[in-house]
Amino acid sequence: MSYNFYQSGDKKILACLKTIQNKKYNVLKFECTFLNKGNLYRDQFFLSFDDAHEKFIDILIDSNKTITLLKTSNTHSGFNISVIKKEFSSNHFFNSFQKICYR
């Protein structure tokens, strides 16, 4: 379990991101708390995650309570880069990835 704090680029939102890993099922649970103008908003989401092959490179928060995660994973022939975006304000979830192969 880990706790990390983030601030949006315009400094309007402060976010606490609690990450809980379940190694048995290769799942990460993210518990998010946002502070905006004295108001708290809480939500959570789950992602599959294999810590033996994957890692998070960066995490960004914006003023619309959107979390963007950049994840990499190793493969036998290269690696994958994934951009995962969770929009709490509209309850949308986006995931895009690109496979990079070694020559």
PDB file of N, CA and C in Angstrom:
ATOM      1  N   MET A   1       0.850  -1.164   0.000  1.00  0.00           N
ATOM      2  CA  MET A   1       0.000   0.000   0.000  1.00  0.00           C
ATOM      3  C   MET A   1       0.897   1.229   0.000  1.00  0.00           C
ATOM      4  N   SER A   2       0.505   2.227  -0.823  1.00  0.00           N
ATOM      5  CA  SER A   2       1.255   3.476  -0.843  1.00  0.00           C
ATOM      6  C   SER A   2       0.293   4.651  -0.975  1.00  0.00           C
ATOM      7  N   TYR A   3       0.739   5.805  -0.493  1.00  0.00           N
ATOM      8  CA  TYR A   3      -0.014   7.048  -0.595  1.00  0.00           C
ATOM      9  C   TYR A   3       0.842   8.050  -1.359  1.00  0.00           C
ATOM     10  N   ASN A   4       0.245   8.704  -2.347  1.00  0.00           N
ATOM     11  CA  ASN A   4       0.940   9.752  -3.088  1.00  0.00           C
ATOM     12  C   ASN A   4       0.002  10.936  -3.243  1.00  0.00           C
ATOM     13  N   PHE A   5       0.587  12.137  -3.233  1.00  0.00           N
ATOM     14  CA  PHE A   5      -0.188  13.357  -3.383  1.00  0.00           C
ATOM     15  C   PHE A   5       0.184  14.033  -4.690  1.00  0.00           C
ATOM     16  N   TYR A   6      -0.834  14.568  -5.379  1.00  0.00           N
ATOM     17  CA  TYR A   6      -0.650  15.228  -6.667  1.00  0.00           C
ATOM     18  C   TYR A   6      -1.450  16.517  -6.675  1.00  0.00           C
ATOM     19  N   GLN A   7      -1.002  17.452  -7.491  1.00  0.00           N
ATOM     20  CA  GLN A   7      -1.708  18.706  -7.654  1.00  0.00           C
ATOM     21  C   GLN A   7      -1.883  18.960  -9.145  1.00  0.00           C
ATOM     22  N   SER A   8      -3.054  19.473  -9.518  1.00  0.00           N
ATOM     23  CA  SER A   8      -3.294  19.774 -10.927  1.00  0.00           C
ATOM     24  C   SER A   8      -2.364  20.908 -11.363  1.00  0.00           C
ATOM     25  N   GLY A   9      -2.128  20.993 -12.662  1.00  0.00           N
ATOM     26  CA  GLY A   9      -1.221  21.999 -13.201  1.00  0.00           C
ATOM     27  C   GLY A   9      -1.638  23.422 -12.863  1.00  0.00           C
ATOM     28  N   ASP A  10      -2.945  23.667 -12.777  1.00  0.00           N
ATOM     29  CA  ASP A  10      -3.429  25.007 -12.438  1.00  0.00           C
ATOM     30  C   ASP A  10      -3.583  25.202 -10.929  1.00  0.00           C
ATOM     31  N   LYS A  11      -3.179  24.194 -10.156  1.00  0.00           N
ATOM     32  CA  LYS A  11      -3.172  24.215  -8.690  1.00  0.00           C
ATOM     33  C   LYS A  11      -4.568  24.359  -8.071  1.00  0.00           C
ATOM     34  N   LYS A  12      -5.602  23.958  -8.793  1.00  0.00           N
ATOM     35  CA  LYS A  12      -6.973  24.057  -8.282  1.00  0.00           C
ATOM     36  C   LYS A  12      -7.408  22.805  -7.532  1.00  0.00           C
ATOM     37  N   ILE A  13      -6.766  21.668  -7.817  1.00  0.00           N
ATOM     38  CA  ILE A  13      -7.151  20.405  -7.190  1.00  0.00           C
ATOM     39  C   ILE A  13      -5.930  19.745  -6.573  1.00  0.00           C
ATOM     40  N   LEU A  14      -6.124  19.261  -5.354  1.00  0.00           N
ATOM     41  CA  LEU A  14      -5.129  18.437  -4.674  1.00  0.00           C
ATOM     42  C   LEU A  14      -5.719  17.032  -4.596  1.00  0.00           C
ATOM     43  N   ALA A  15      -4.932  16.029  -4.922  1.00  0.00           N
ATOM     44  CA  ALA A  15      -5.423  14.654  -4.921  1.00  0.00           C
ATOM     45  C   ALA A  15      -4.504  13.770  -4.093  1.00  0.00           C
ATOM     46  N   CYS A  16      -5.117  12.882  -3.324  1.00  0.00           N
ATOM     47  CA  CYS A  16      -4.396  11.831  -2.614  1.00  0.00           C
ATOM     48  C   CYS A  16      -4.759  10.524  -3.306  1.00  0.00           C
ATOM     49  N   LEU A  17      -3.764   9.801  -3.743  1.00  0.00           N
ATOM     50  CA  LEU A  17      -3.974   8.543  -4.450  1.00  0.00           C
ATOM     51  C   LEU A  17      -3.405   7.407  -3.605  1.00  0.00           C
ATOM     52  N   LYS A  18      -4.292   6.597  -3.060  1.00  0.00           N
ATOM     53  CA  LYS A  18      -3.903   5.430  -2.274  1.00  0.00           C
ATOM     54  C   LYS A  18      -3.905   4.229  -3.220  1.00  0.00           C
ATOM     55  N   THR A  19      -2.792   3.524  -3.277  1.00  0.00           N
ATOM     56  CA  THR A  19      -2.644   2.380  -4.176  1.00  0.00           C
ATOM     57  C   THR A  19      -2.483   1.113  -3.345  1.00  0.00           C
ATOM     58  N   ILE A  20      -3.340   0.135  -3.613  1.00  0.00           N
ATOM     59  CA  ILE A  20      -3.306  -1.145  -2.901  1.00  0.00           C
ATOM     60  C   ILE A  20      -3.125  -2.249  -3.942  1.00  0.00           C
ATOM     61  N   GLN A  21      -2.091  -3.050  -3.772  1.00  0.00           N
ATOM     62  CA  GLN A  21      -1.796  -4.112  -4.735  1.00  0.00           C
ATOM     63  C   GLN A  21      -2.251  -5.465  -4.201  1.00  0.00           C
ATOM     64  N   ASN A  22      -2.956  -6.213  -5.044  1.00  0.00           N
ATOM     65  CA  ASN A  22      -3.329  -7.582  -4.744  1.00  0.00           C
ATOM     66  C   ASN A  22      -2.509  -8.464  -5.682  1.00  0.00           C
ATOM     67  N   LYS A  23      -1.401  -9.010  -5.182  1.00  0.00           N
ATOM     68  CA  LYS A  23      -0.495  -9.811  -6.011  1.00  0.00           C
ATOM     69  C   LYS A  23      -1.115 -11.149  -6.417  1.00  0.00           C
ATOM     70  N   LYS A  24      -2.024 -11.653  -5.616  1.00  0.00           N
ATOM     71  CA  LYS A  24      -2.658 -12.932  -5.937  1.00  0.00           C
ATOM     72  C   LYS A  24      -3.446 -12.838  -7.238  1.00  0.00           C
ATOM     73  N   TYR A  25      -4.138 -11.714  -7.437  1.00  0.00           N
ATOM     74  CA  TYR A  25      -4.978 -11.535  -8.627  1.00  0.00           C
ATOM     75  C   TYR A  25      -4.396 -10.542  -9.623  1.00  0.00           C
ATOM     76  N   ASN A  26      -3.159 -10.060  -9.393  1.00  0.00           N
ATOM     77  CA  ASN A  26      -2.505  -9.075 -10.265  1.00  0.00           C
ATOM     78  C   ASN A  26      -3.395  -7.870 -10.536  1.00  0.00           C
ATOM     79  N   VAL A  27      -3.865  -7.254  -9.460  1.00  0.00           N
ATOM     80  CA  VAL A  27      -4.763  -6.104  -9.558  1.00  0.00           C
ATOM     81  C   VAL A  27      -4.262  -4.990  -8.652  1.00  0.00           C
ATOM     82  N   LEU A  28      -4.388  -3.755  -9.139  1.00  0.00           N
ATOM     83  CA  LEU A  28      -4.152  -2.574  -8.326  1.00  0.00           C
ATOM     84  C   LEU A  28      -5.486  -1.887  -8.085  1.00  0.00           C
ATOM     85  N   LYS A  29      -5.708  -1.499  -6.850  1.00  0.00           N
ATOM     86  CA  LYS A  29      -6.890  -0.715  -6.501  1.00  0.00           C
ATOM     87  C   LYS A  29      -6.408   0.698  -6.192  1.00  0.00           C
ATOM     88  N   PHE A  30      -7.002   1.672  -6.860  1.00  0.00           N
ATOM     89  CA  PHE A  30      -6.688   3.073  -6.629  1.00  0.00           C
ATOM     90  C   PHE A  30      -7.855   3.714  -5.891  1.00  0.00           C
ATOM     91  N   GLU A  31      -7.593   4.229  -4.707  1.00  0.00           N
ATOM     92  CA  GLU A  31      -8.588   4.991  -3.963  1.00  0.00           C
ATOM     93  C   GLU A  31      -8.171   6.455  -4.056  1.00  0.00           C
ATOM     94  N   CYS A  32      -9.041   7.275  -4.618  1.00  0.00           N
ATOM     95  CA  CYS A  32      -8.715   8.663  -4.904  1.00  0.00           C
ATOM     96  C   CYS A  32      -9.543   9.602  -4.046  1.00  0.00           C
ATOM     97  N   THR A  33      -8.884  10.592  -3.473  1.00  0.00           N
ATOM     98  CA  THR A  33      -9.558  11.658  -2.742  1.00  0.00           C
ATOM     99  C   THR A  33      -9.109  12.973  -3.339  1.00  0.00           C
ATOM    100  N   PHE A  34     -10.066  13.774  -3.805  1.00  0.00           N
ATOM    101  CA  PHE A  34      -9.786  15.067  -4.407  1.00  0.00           C
ATOM    102  C   PHE A  34     -10.260  16.170  -3.474  1.00  0.00           C
ATOM    103  N   LEU A  35      -9.457  17.207  -3.327  1.00  0.00           N
ATOM    104  CA  LEU A  35      -9.827  18.386  -2.561  1.00  0.00           C
ATOM    105  C   LEU A  35      -9.867  19.566  -3.518  1.00  0.00           C
ATOM    106  N   ASN A  36     -11.050  20.195  -3.623  1.00  0.00           N
ATOM    107  CA  ASN A  36     -11.237  21.331  -4.520  1.00  0.00           C
ATOM    108  C   ASN A  36     -12.096  22.374  -3.813  1.00  0.00           C
ATOM    109  N   LYS A  37     -11.508  23.524  -3.525  1.00  0.00           N
ATOM    110  CA  LYS A  37     -12.218  24.631  -2.868  1.00  0.00           C
ATOM    111  C   LYS A  37     -12.902  24.188  -1.580  1.00  0.00           C
ATOM    112  N   GLY A  38     -12.241  23.367  -0.789  1.00  0.00           N
ATOM    113  CA  GLY A  38     -12.776  22.913   0.488  1.00  0.00           C
ATOM    114  C   GLY A  38     -13.730  21.736   0.396  1.00  0.00           C
ATOM    115  N   ASN A  39     -14.028  21.264  -0.798  1.00  0.00           N
ATOM    116  CA  ASN A  39     -14.915  20.113  -0.984  1.00  0.00           C
ATOM    117  C   ASN A  39     -14.105  18.859  -1.258  1.00  0.00           C
ATOM    118  N   LEU A  40     -14.505  17.746  -0.633  1.00  0.00           N
ATOM    119  CA  LEU A  40     -13.858  16.448  -0.859  1.00  0.00           C
ATOM    120  C   LEU A  40     -14.711  15.602  -1.788  1.00  0.00           C
ATOM    121  N   TYR A  41     -14.046  14.889  -2.683  1.00  0.00           N
ATOM    122  CA  TYR A  41     -14.693  13.943  -3.584  1.00  0.00           C
ATOM    123  C   TYR A  41     -13.871  12.671  -3.547  1.00  0.00           C
ATOM    124  N   ARG A  42     -14.516  11.533  -3.353  1.00  0.00           N
ATOM    125  CA  ARG A  42     -13.802  10.240  -3.275  1.00  0.00           C
ATOM    126  C   ARG A  42     -14.357   9.282  -4.313  1.00  0.00           C
ATOM    127  N   ASP A  43     -13.449   8.475  -4.850  1.00  0.00           N
ATOM    128  CA  ASP A  43     -13.838   7.447  -5.803  1.00  0.00           C
ATOM    129  C   ASP A  43     -12.714   6.421  -5.860  1.00  0.00           C
ATOM    130  N   GLN A  44     -12.952   5.342  -6.583  1.00  0.00           N
ATOM    131  CA  GLN A  44     -11.933   4.294  -6.721  1.00  0.00           C
ATOM    132  C   GLN A  44     -12.055   3.633  -8.088  1.00  0.00           C
ATOM    133  N   PHE A  45     -10.981   2.981  -8.503  1.00  0.00           N
ATOM    134  CA  PHE A  45     -10.997   2.171  -9.718  1.00  0.00           C
ATOM    135  C   PHE A  45      -9.927   1.095  -9.602  1.00  0.00           C
ATOM    136  N   PHE A  46     -10.015   0.098 -10.458  1.00  0.00           N
ATOM    137  CA  PHE A  46      -9.127  -1.068 -10.442  1.00  0.00           C
ATOM    138  C   PHE A  46      -8.458  -1.220 -11.802  1.00  0.00           C
ATOM    139  N   LEU A  47      -7.202  -1.677 -11.784  1.00  0.00           N
ATOM    140  CA  LEU A  47      -6.461  -1.972 -13.007  1.00  0.00           C
ATOM    141  C   LEU A  47      -5.731  -3.294 -12.843  1.00  0.00           C
ATOM    142  N   SER A  48      -5.661  -4.062 -13.925  1.00  0.00           N
ATOM    143  CA  SER A  48      -4.798  -5.246 -13.883  1.00  0.00           C
ATOM    144  C   SER A  48      -3.349  -4.755 -13.897  1.00  0.00           C
ATOM    145  N   PHE A  49      -2.488  -5.464 -13.151  1.00  0.00           N
ATOM    146  CA  PHE A  49      -1.106  -5.015 -13.021  1.00  0.00           C
ATOM    147  C   PHE A  49      -0.234  -6.171 -12.580  1.00  0.00           C
ATOM    148  N   ASP A  50       0.829  -6.420 -13.333  1.00  0.00           N
ATOM    149  CA  ASP A  50       1.804  -7.459 -13.009  1.00  0.00           C
ATOM    150  C   ASP A  50       3.124  -6.763 -12.667  1.00  0.00           C
ATOM    151  N   ASP A  51       3.433  -6.661 -11.381  1.00  0.00           N
ATOM    152  CA  ASP A  51       4.616  -5.900 -10.969  1.00  0.00           C
ATOM    153  C   ASP A  51       5.931  -6.528 -11.418  1.00  0.00           C
ATOM    154  N   ALA A  52       5.915  -7.759 -11.880  1.00  0.00           N
ATOM    155  CA  ALA A  52       7.140  -8.384 -12.389  1.00  0.00           C
ATOM    156  C   ALA A  52       7.510  -7.844 -13.773  1.00  0.00           C
ATOM    157  N   HIS A  53       6.513  -7.343 -14.531  1.00  0.00           N
ATOM    158  CA  HIS A  53       6.762  -6.902 -15.907  1.00  0.00           C
ATOM    159  C   HIS A  53       6.304  -5.474 -16.203  1.00  0.00           C
ATOM    160  N   GLU A  54       5.549  -4.874 -15.294  1.00  0.00           N
ATOM    161  CA  GLU A  54       4.974  -3.558 -15.561  1.00  0.00           C
ATOM    162  C   GLU A  54       5.406  -2.546 -14.508  1.00  0.00           C
ATOM    163  N   LYS A  55       5.424  -1.265 -14.914  1.00  0.00           N
ATOM    164  CA  LYS A  55       5.660  -0.195 -13.949  1.00  0.00           C
ATOM    165  C   LYS A  55       5.010   1.090 -14.446  1.00  0.00           C
ATOM    166  N   PHE A  56       4.649   1.931 -13.478  1.00  0.00           N
ATOM    167  CA  PHE A  56       4.082   3.228 -13.792  1.00  0.00           C
ATOM    168  C   PHE A  56       5.213   4.238 -13.898  1.00  0.00           C
ATOM    169  N   ILE A  57       5.208   4.993 -14.973  1.00  0.00           N
ATOM    170  CA  ILE A  57       6.243   5.984 -15.234  1.00  0.00           C
ATOM    171  C   ILE A  57       5.825   7.355 -14.733  1.00  0.00           C
ATOM    172  N   ASP A  58       4.545   7.706 -14.930  1.00  0.00           N
ATOM    173  CA  ASP A  58       4.079   9.022 -14.532  1.00  0.00           C
ATOM    174  C   ASP A  58       2.589   8.986 -14.228  1.00  0.00           C
ATOM    175  N   ILE A  59       2.159   9.892 -13.362  1.00  0.00           N
ATOM    176  CA  ILE A  59       0.750  10.046 -13.014  1.00  0.00           C
ATOM    177  C   ILE A  59       0.453  11.534 -12.996  1.00  0.00           C
ATOM    178  N   LEU A  60      -0.610  11.940 -13.710  1.00  0.00           N
ATOM    179  CA  LEU A  60      -1.004  13.345 -13.778  1.00  0.00           C
ATOM    180  C   LEU A  60      -2.445  13.503 -13.326  1.00  0.00           C
ATOM    181  N   ILE A  61      -2.737  14.634 -12.702  1.00  0.00           N
ATOM    182  CA  ILE A  61      -4.079  14.984 -12.262  1.00  0.00           C
ATOM    183  C   ILE A  61      -4.435  16.312 -12.929  1.00  0.00           C
ATOM    184  N   ASP A  62      -5.679  16.452 -13.416  1.00  0.00           N
ATOM    185  CA  ASP A  62      -6.079  17.760 -13.933  1.00  0.00           C
ATOM    186  C   ASP A  62      -7.227  18.326 -13.102  1.00  0.00           C
ATOM    187  N   SER A  63      -7.648  19.533 -13.426  1.00  0.00           N
ATOM    188  CA  SER A  63      -8.647  20.228 -12.616  1.00  0.00           C
ATOM    189  C   SER A  63     -10.062  19.696 -12.813  1.00  0.00           C
ATOM    190  N   ASN A  64     -10.263  18.723 -13.708  1.00  0.00           N
ATOM    191  CA  ASN A  64     -11.573  18.089 -13.913  1.00  0.00           C
ATOM    192  C   ASN A  64     -11.669  16.733 -13.229  1.00  0.00           C
ATOM    193  N   LYS A  65     -10.783  16.471 -12.268  1.00  0.00           N
ATOM    194  CA  LYS A  65     -10.727  15.185 -11.565  1.00  0.00           C
ATOM    195  C   LYS A  65     -10.462  14.037 -12.543  1.00  0.00           C
ATOM    196  N   THR A  66      -9.522  14.244 -13.446  1.00  0.00           N
ATOM    197  CA  THR A  66      -9.086  13.213 -14.385  1.00  0.00           C
ATOM    198  C   THR A  66      -7.676  12.786 -14.010  1.00  0.00           C
ATOM    199  N   ILE A  67      -7.477  11.474 -13.921  1.00  0.00           N
ATOM    200  CA  ILE A  67      -6.163  10.910 -13.637  1.00  0.00           C
ATOM    201  C   ILE A  67      -5.646  10.263 -14.919  1.00  0.00           C
ATOM    202  N   THR A  68      -4.425  10.600 -15.306  1.00  0.00           N
ATOM    203  CA  THR A  68      -3.776  10.008 -16.473  1.00  0.00           C
ATOM    204  C   THR A  68      -2.539   9.266 -15.984  1.00  0.00           C
ATOM    205  N   LEU A  69      -2.451   7.989 -16.325  1.00  0.00           N
ATOM    206  CA  LEU A  69      -1.329   7.145 -15.914  1.00  0.00           C
ATOM    207  C   LEU A  69      -0.556   6.707 -17.148  1.00  0.00           C
ATOM    208  N   LEU A  70       0.756   6.717 -17.069  1.00  0.00           N
ATOM    209  CA  LEU A  70       1.625   6.203 -18.128  1.00  0.00           C
ATOM    210  C   LEU A  70       2.294   4.956 -17.583  1.00  0.00           C
ATOM    211  N   LYS A  71       2.058   3.826 -18.266  1.00  0.00           N
ATOM    212  CA  LYS A  71       2.548   2.525 -17.797  1.00  0.00           C
ATOM    213  C   LYS A  71       3.370   1.868 -18.896  1.00  0.00           C
ATOM    214  N   THR A  72       4.462   1.214 -18.523  1.00  0.00           N
ATOM    215  CA  THR A  72       5.245   0.430 -19.471  1.00  0.00           C
ATOM    216  C   THR A  72       5.240  -1.029 -19.035  1.00  0.00           C
ATOM    217  N   SER A  73       5.380  -1.916 -20.007  1.00  0.00           N
ATOM    218  CA  SER A  73       5.489  -3.344 -19.705  1.00  0.00           C
ATOM    219  C   SER A  73       6.477  -3.981 -20.680  1.00  0.00           C
ATOM    220  N   ASN A  74       7.277  -4.885 -20.160  1.00  0.00           N
ATOM    221  CA  ASN A  74       8.268  -5.585 -20.968  1.00  0.00           C
ATOM    222  C   ASN A  74       7.653  -6.805 -21.642  1.00  0.00           C
ATOM    223  N   THR A  75       8.097  -7.070 -22.879  1.00  0.00           N
ATOM    224  CA  THR A  75       7.718  -8.281 -23.596  1.00  0.00           C
ATOM    225  C   THR A  75       9.007  -8.948 -24.080  1.00  0.00           C
ATOM    226  N   HIS A  76       8.896 -10.127 -24.659  1.00  0.00           N
ATOM    227  CA  HIS A  76      10.089 -10.817 -25.161  1.00  0.00           C
ATOM    228  C   HIS A  76      10.726 -10.090 -26.342  1.00  0.00           C
ATOM    229  N   SER A  77       9.907  -9.394 -27.137  1.00  0.00           N
ATOM    230  CA  SER A  77      10.428  -8.750 -28.336  1.00  0.00           C
ATOM    231  C   SER A  77      10.513  -7.230 -28.226  1.00  0.00           C
ATOM    232  N   GLY A  78      10.202  -6.662 -27.064  1.00  0.00           N
ATOM    233  CA  GLY A  78      10.253  -5.208 -26.900  1.00  0.00           C
ATOM    234  C   GLY A  78       9.514  -4.790 -25.646  1.00  0.00           C
ATOM    235  N   PHE A  79       8.686  -3.768 -25.783  1.00  0.00           N
ATOM    236  CA  PHE A  79       7.895  -3.316 -24.646  1.00  0.00           C
ATOM    237  C   PHE A  79       6.641  -2.600 -25.135  1.00  0.00           C
ATOM    238  N   ASN A  80       5.684  -2.442 -24.235  1.00  0.00           N
ATOM    239  CA  ASN A  80       4.445  -1.731 -24.505  1.00  0.00           C
ATOM    240  C   ASN A  80       4.397  -0.463 -23.679  1.00  0.00           C
ATOM    241  N   ILE A  81       3.834   0.576 -24.250  1.00  0.00           N
ATOM    242  CA  ILE A  81       3.566   1.818 -23.532  1.00  0.00           C
ATOM    243  C   ILE A  81       2.057   1.995 -23.515  1.00  0.00           C
ATOM    244  N   SER A  82       1.503   2.193 -22.326  1.00  0.00           N
ATOM    245  CA  SER A  82       0.056   2.370 -22.173  1.00  0.00           C
ATOM    246  C   SER A  82      -0.241   3.721 -21.550  1.00  0.00           C
ATOM    247  N   VAL A  83      -1.270   4.384 -22.083  1.00  0.00           N
ATOM    248  CA  VAL A  83      -1.802   5.596 -21.482  1.00  0.00           C
ATOM    249  C   VAL A  83      -3.201   5.251 -20.995  1.00  0.00           C
ATOM    250  N   ILE A  84      -3.412   5.410 -19.703  1.00  0.00           N
ATOM    251  CA  ILE A  84      -4.689   5.066 -19.080  1.00  0.00           C
ATOM    252  C   ILE A  84      -5.255   6.353 -18.492  1.00  0.00           C
ATOM    253  N   LYS A  85      -6.499   6.639 -18.834  1.00  0.00           N
ATOM    254  CA  LYS A  85      -7.116   7.881 -18.389  1.00  0.00           C
ATOM    255  C   LYS A  85      -8.449   7.568 -17.729  1.00  0.00           C
ATOM    256  N   LYS A  86      -8.612   7.998 -16.487  1.00  0.00           N
ATOM    257  CA  LYS A  86      -9.856   7.804 -15.743  1.00  0.00           C
ATOM    258  C   LYS A  86     -10.451   9.179 -15.476  1.00  0.00           C
ATOM    259  N   GLU A  87     -11.632   9.432 -16.071  1.00  0.00           N
ATOM    260  CA  GLU A  87     -12.337  10.699 -15.877  1.00  0.00           C
ATOM    261  C   GLU A  87     -13.433  10.486 -14.850  1.00  0.00           C
ATOM    262  N   PHE A  88     -13.223  10.982 -13.641  1.00  0.00           N
ATOM    263  CA  PHE A  88     -14.217  10.814 -12.586  1.00  0.00           C
ATOM    264  C   PHE A  88     -15.429  11.708 -12.804  1.00  0.00           C
ATOM    265  N   SER A  89     -15.234  12.886 -13.406  1.00  0.00           N
ATOM    266  CA  SER A  89     -16.349  13.817 -13.580  1.00  0.00           C
ATOM    267  C   SER A  89     -17.407  13.271 -14.536  1.00  0.00           C
ATOM    268  N   SER A  90     -17.007  12.489 -15.535  1.00  0.00           N
ATOM    269  CA  SER A  90     -17.965  11.907 -16.483  1.00  0.00           C
ATOM    270  C   SER A  90     -18.021  10.384 -16.397  1.00  0.00           C
ATOM    271  N   ASN A  91     -17.231   9.805 -15.498  1.00  0.00           N
ATOM    272  CA  ASN A  91     -17.178   8.360 -15.284  1.00  0.00           C
ATOM    273  C   ASN A  91     -16.756   7.583 -16.536  1.00  0.00           C
ATOM    274  N   HIS A  92     -15.830   8.164 -17.328  1.00  0.00           N
ATOM    275  CA  HIS A  92     -15.277   7.483 -18.504  1.00  0.00           C
ATOM    276  C   HIS A  92     -13.904   6.910 -18.169  1.00  0.00           C
ATOM    277  N   PHE A  93     -13.539   5.852 -18.877  1.00  0.00           N
ATOM    278  CA  PHE A  93     -12.263   5.183 -18.692  1.00  0.00           C
ATOM    279  C   PHE A  93     -11.677   4.917 -20.076  1.00  0.00           C
ATOM    280  N   PHE A  94     -10.459   5.369 -20.339  1.00  0.00           N
ATOM    281  CA  PHE A  94      -9.805   5.184 -21.629  1.00  0.00           C
ATOM    282  C   PHE A  94      -8.483   4.450 -21.424  1.00  0.00           C
ATOM    283  N   ASN A  95      -8.145   3.586 -22.376  1.00  0.00           N
ATOM    284  CA  ASN A  95      -6.877   2.859 -22.321  1.00  0.00           C
ATOM    285  C   ASN A  95      -6.358   2.731 -23.742  1.00  0.00           C
ATOM    286  N   SER A  96      -5.140   3.171 -23.965  1.00  0.00           N
ATOM    287  CA  SER A  96      -4.525   3.087 -25.275  1.00  0.00           C
ATOM    288  C   SER A  96      -3.099   2.585 -25.087  1.00  0.00           C
ATOM    289  N   PHE A  97      -2.644   1.717 -26.003  1.00  0.00           N
ATOM    290  CA  PHE A  97      -1.274   1.239 -25.864  1.00  0.00           C
ATOM    291  C   PHE A  97      -0.607   1.116 -27.221  1.00  0.00           C
ATOM    292  N   GLN A  98       0.718   1.146 -27.190  1.00  0.00           N
ATOM    293  CA  GLN A  98       1.529   1.011 -28.389  1.00  0.00           C
ATOM    294  C   GLN A  98       2.640   0.001 -28.092  1.00  0.00           C
ATOM    295  N   LYS A  99       2.804  -0.955 -28.978  1.00  0.00           N
ATOM    296  CA  LYS A  99       3.858  -1.955 -28.823  1.00  0.00           C
ATOM    297  C   LYS A  99       5.100  -1.483 -29.569  1.00  0.00           C
ATOM    298  N   ILE A 100       6.252  -1.503 -28.904  1.00  0.00           N
ATOM    299  CA  ILE A 100       7.534  -1.130 -29.475  1.00  0.00           C
ATOM    300  C   ILE A 100       8.397  -2.390 -29.537  1.00  0.00           C
ATOM    301  N   CYS A 101       8.844  -2.750 -30.744  1.00  0.00           N
ATOM    302  CA  CYS A 101       9.644  -3.966 -30.922  1.00  0.00           C
ATOM    303  C   CYS A 101      11.116  -3.617 -31.109  1.00  0.00           C
ATOM    304  N   TYR A 102      11.985  -4.474 -30.543  1.00  0.00           N
ATOM    305  CA  TYR A 102      13.423  -4.346 -30.754  1.00  0.00           C
ATOM    306  C   TYR A 102      13.758  -4.897 -32.127  1.00  0.00           C
ATOM    307  N   ARG A 103      14.794  -4.386 -32.724  1.00  0.00           N
ATOM    308  CA  ARG A 103      15.236  -4.910 -34.024  1.00  0.00           C
ATOM    309  C   ARG A 103      16.384  -5.847 -33.845  1.00  0.00           C
TER     310      ARG A 103
END
